[in-house]
Structures are given as C-alpha cells and as structure tokens.
C-alpha atoms as a PDB file:
ATOM      1  CA  UNK A   1       0.000   0.000   0.000  1.00  0.00           C
ATOM      2  CA  UNK A   2       2.819   2.386   0.857  1.00  0.00           C
ATOM      3  CA  UNK A   3       4.547   1.719  -2.466  1.00  0.00           C
ATOM      4  CA  UNK A   4       1.432   2.475  -4.527  1.00  0.00           C
ATOM      5  CA  UNK A   5       0.745   5.589  -2.486  1.00  0.00           C
ATOM      6  CA  UNK A   6       4.285   6.752  -3.126  1.00  0.00           C
ATOM      7  CA  UNK A   7       3.831   6.102  -6.841  1.00  0.00           C
ATOM      8  CA  UNK A   8       0.573   8.050  -6.938  1.00  0.00           C
ATOM      9  CA  UNK A   9       1.995  11.027  -5.032  1.00  0.00           C
ATOM     10  CA  UNK A  10       5.077  11.065  -7.256  1.00  0.00           C
ATOM     11  CA  UNK A  11       2.872  11.028 -10.347  1.00  0.00           C
ATOM     12  CA  UNK A  12       0.741  13.898  -9.009  1.00  0.00           C
ATOM     13  CA  UNK A  13       3.825  15.917  -8.126  1.00  0.00           C
ATOM     14  CA  UNK A  14       5.235  15.371 -11.621  1.00  0.00           C
ATOM     15  CA  UNK A  15       1.937  16.333 -13.223  1.00  0.00           C
ATOM     16  CA  UNK A  16       1.577  19.506 -11.145  1.00  0.00           C
ATOM     17  CA  UNK A  17       5.238  20.342 -11.771  1.00  0.00           C
ATOM     18  CA  UNK A  18       4.854  19.979 -15.519  1.00  0.00           C
ATOM     19  CA  UNK A  19       1.835  22.287 -15.504  1.00  0.00           C
ATOM     20  CA  UNK A  20       3.620  24.977 -13.492  1.00  0.00           C
ATOM     21  CA  UNK A  21       6.834  24.646 -15.481  1.00  0.00           C
ATOM     22  CA  UNK A  22       4.926  24.990 -18.745  1.00  0.00           C
ATOM     23  CA  UNK A  23       3.144  28.087 -17.476  1.00  0.00           C
ATOM     24  CA  UNK A  24       6.484  29.621 -16.442  1.00  0.00           C
ATOM     25  CA  UNK A  25       8.313  28.868 -19.685  1.00  0.00           C
ATOM     26  CA  UNK A  26       7.083  31.952 -21.555  1.00  0.00           C
ATOM     27  CA  UNK A  27       7.884  34.222 -18.606  1.00  0.00           C
ATOM     28  CA  UNK A  28      11.455  32.918 -18.359  1.00  0.00           C
ATOM     29  CA  UNK A  29      11.989  33.298 -22.114  1.00  0.00           C
ATOM     30  CA  UNK A  30      10.529  36.840 -22.307  1.00  0.00           C
ATOM     31  CA  UNK A  31      13.421  39.286 -22.675  1.00  0.00           C
ATOM     32  CA  UNK A  32      11.170  42.267 -21.901  1.00  0.00           C
ATOM     33  CA  UNK A  33      11.055  41.158 -18.254  1.00  0.00           C
ATOM     34  CA  UNK A  34      13.945  42.048 -15.956  1.00  0.00           C
ATOM     35  CA  UNK A  35      16.702  39.434 -15.862  1.00  0.00           C
ATOM     36  CA  UNK A  36      16.652  39.154 -12.064  1.00  0.00           C
ATOM     37  CA  UNK A  37      12.934  38.295 -12.033  1.00  0.00           C
ATOM     38  CA  UNK A  38      13.403  35.664 -14.731  1.00  0.00           C
ATOM     39  CA  UNK A  39      16.341  34.172 -12.824  1.00  0.00           C
ATOM     40  CA  UNK A  40      14.259  33.938  -9.652  1.00  0.00           C
ATOM     41  CA  UNK A  41      11.537  32.020 -11.476  1.00  0.00           C
ATOM     42  CA  UNK A  42      14.114  29.842 -13.255  1.00  0.00           C
ATOM     43  CA  UNK A  43      15.750  28.976  -9.933  1.00  0.00           C
ATOM     44  CA  UNK A  44      12.575  27.180  -8.819  1.00  0.00           C
ATOM     45  CA  UNK A  45      10.794  26.196 -12.054  1.00  0.00           C
ATOM     46  CA  UNK A  46      13.340  26.364 -14.892  1.00  0.00           C
ATOM     47  CA  UNK A  47      13.962  22.660 -15.498  1.00  0.00           C
ATOM     48  CA  UNK A  48      12.122  19.434 -14.745  1.00  0.00           C
ATOM     49  CA  UNK A  49      14.479  18.452 -11.929  1.00  0.00           C
ATOM     50  CA  UNK A  50      14.249  21.905 -10.326  1.00  0.00           C
ATOM     51  CA  UNK A  51      10.479  21.846 -10.614  1.00  0.00           C
ATOM     52  CA  UNK A  52      10.127  18.387  -9.055  1.00  0.00           C
ATOM     53  CA  UNK A  53      12.339  19.424  -6.153  1.00  0.00           C
ATOM     54  CA  UNK A  54      10.279  22.583  -5.742  1.00  0.00           C
ATOM     55  CA  UNK A  55       6.990  20.649  -5.789  1.00  0.00           C
ATOM     56  CA  UNK A  56       8.369  18.303  -3.116  1.00  0.00           C
ATOM     57  CA  UNK A  57       9.446  21.328  -1.083  1.00  0.00           C
ATOM     58  CA  UNK A  58       6.019  22.932  -1.453  1.00  0.00           C
ATOM     59  CA  UNK A  59       4.323  19.795  -0.182  1.00  0.00           C
ATOM     60  CA  UNK A  60       6.618  18.851   2.706  1.00  0.00           C
ATOM     61  CA  UNK A  61       8.703  21.905   3.626  1.00  0.00           C
ATOM     62  CA  UNK A  62       8.650  25.688   3.510  1.00  0.00           C
ATOM     63  CA  UNK A  63       6.265  26.372   0.647  1.00  0.00           C
ATOM     64  CA  UNK A  64       6.130  30.171   0.900  1.00  0.00           C
ATOM     65  CA  UNK A  65       9.317  31.164  -1.023  1.00  0.00           C
ATOM     66  CA  UNK A  66       8.586  29.104  -4.173  1.00  0.00           C
ATOM     67  CA  UNK A  67       4.971  30.245  -4.137  1.00  0.00           C
ATOM     68  CA  UNK A  68       5.843  33.909  -3.591  1.00  0.00           C
ATOM     69  CA  UNK A  69       8.175  33.912  -6.594  1.00  0.00           C
ATOM     70  CA  UNK A  70       5.258  33.155  -8.905  1.00  0.00           C
ATOM     71  CA  UNK A  71       2.709  35.252  -7.028  1.00  0.00           C
ATOM     72  CA  UNK A  72       4.831  38.405  -7.075  1.00  0.00           C
ATOM     73  CA  UNK A  73       6.367  38.022 -10.525  1.00  0.00           C
ATOM     74  CA  UNK A  74       3.743  36.325 -12.674  1.00  0.00           C
ATOM     75  CA  UNK A  75       0.167  36.136 -11.398  1.00  0.00           C
ATOM     76  CA  UNK A  76      -1.780  35.999  -8.165  1.00  0.00           C
ATOM     77  CA  UNK A  77      -3.857  33.160  -9.588  1.00  0.00           C
ATOM     78  CA  UNK A  78      -1.043  30.813  -8.674  1.00  0.00           C
ATOM     79  CA  UNK A  79      -2.207  31.178  -5.067  1.00  0.00           C
ATOM     80  CA  UNK A  80      -5.322  29.156  -5.955  1.00  0.00           C
ATOM     81  CA  UNK A  81      -3.135  26.464  -7.522  1.00  0.00           C
ATOM     82  CA  UNK A  82      -0.818  26.262  -4.512  1.00  0.00           C
ATOM     83  CA  UNK A  83      -3.651  26.186  -1.992  1.00  0.00           C
ATOM     84  CA  UNK A  84      -5.395  23.375  -3.861  1.00  0.00           C
ATOM     85  CA  UNK A  85      -2.132  21.503  -4.336  1.00  0.00           C
ATOM     86  CA  UNK A  86      -1.196  21.752  -0.653  1.00  0.00           C
ATOM     87  CA  UNK A  87      -4.663  20.890   0.627  1.00  0.00           C
ATOM     88  CA  UNK A  88      -5.379  17.958  -1.696  1.00  0.00           C
ATOM     89  CA  UNK A  89      -1.969  16.297  -1.556  1.00  0.00           C
ATOM     90  CA  UNK A  90      -1.468  17.161   2.116  1.00  0.00           C
ATOM     91  CA  UNK A  91      -4.794  15.556   2.933  1.00  0.00           C
ATOM     92  CA  UNK A  92      -3.810  12.497   0.911  1.00  0.00           C
ATOM     93  CA  UNK A  93      -0.513  12.185   2.801  1.00  0.00           C
ATOM     94  CA  UNK A  94      -2.242  12.510   6.160  1.00  0.00           C
ATOM     95  CA  UNK A  95      -4.759   9.815   5.282  1.00  0.00           C
ATOM     96  CA  UNK A  96      -2.046   7.318   4.432  1.00  0.00           C
END
C-alpha cells in the first residue's frame, strides 16, 4: 500500500510540476522582463528536476518562497493552484 501511495503522489507531483513549469516557460523566455525576475523564477521552475524538487518542497517543507516567486512576478492566480495543491496532496498524505 505504501509503495502504490508513493507512486501516486510522485505522479501527481510530476503532473503539477509539468503544468507549473509549462506556465512559467514563456515568462522565463521573455526578454522584456527584468533578468533578475526571470532568474528567480528559473531557480525554482526552470527545469524538470528543479520543478520536481520545488513541488516536493512545497508539499513537505517551507512552501512560501517558491509560491511567492510566482505570485509576485507572474500572477496571483497561482495562489489558488498552490492552496489546492497543498490541501489535496497534504490531505492524501495525512490519510495514508
């Protein structure tokens, strides 16, 4: 049971990470935005491995810095995503 739960949570983290990374791709590539802002977003969501680590950090550790980077630089609608992500996956972890 623990193995399948781990597999499901890993899949959901990868799926959520791919969505966020795809949404951030245009922002990171836009040269009209200040370089420092793009570097901050790239630090958390620039590659698949960075994004997966960030999604793990959001779920189990200090989730405010990675969330604030997107909220302050891109859109406040990411707050809805992060709240749903934390509540749904956090509830799933607690139930296991």
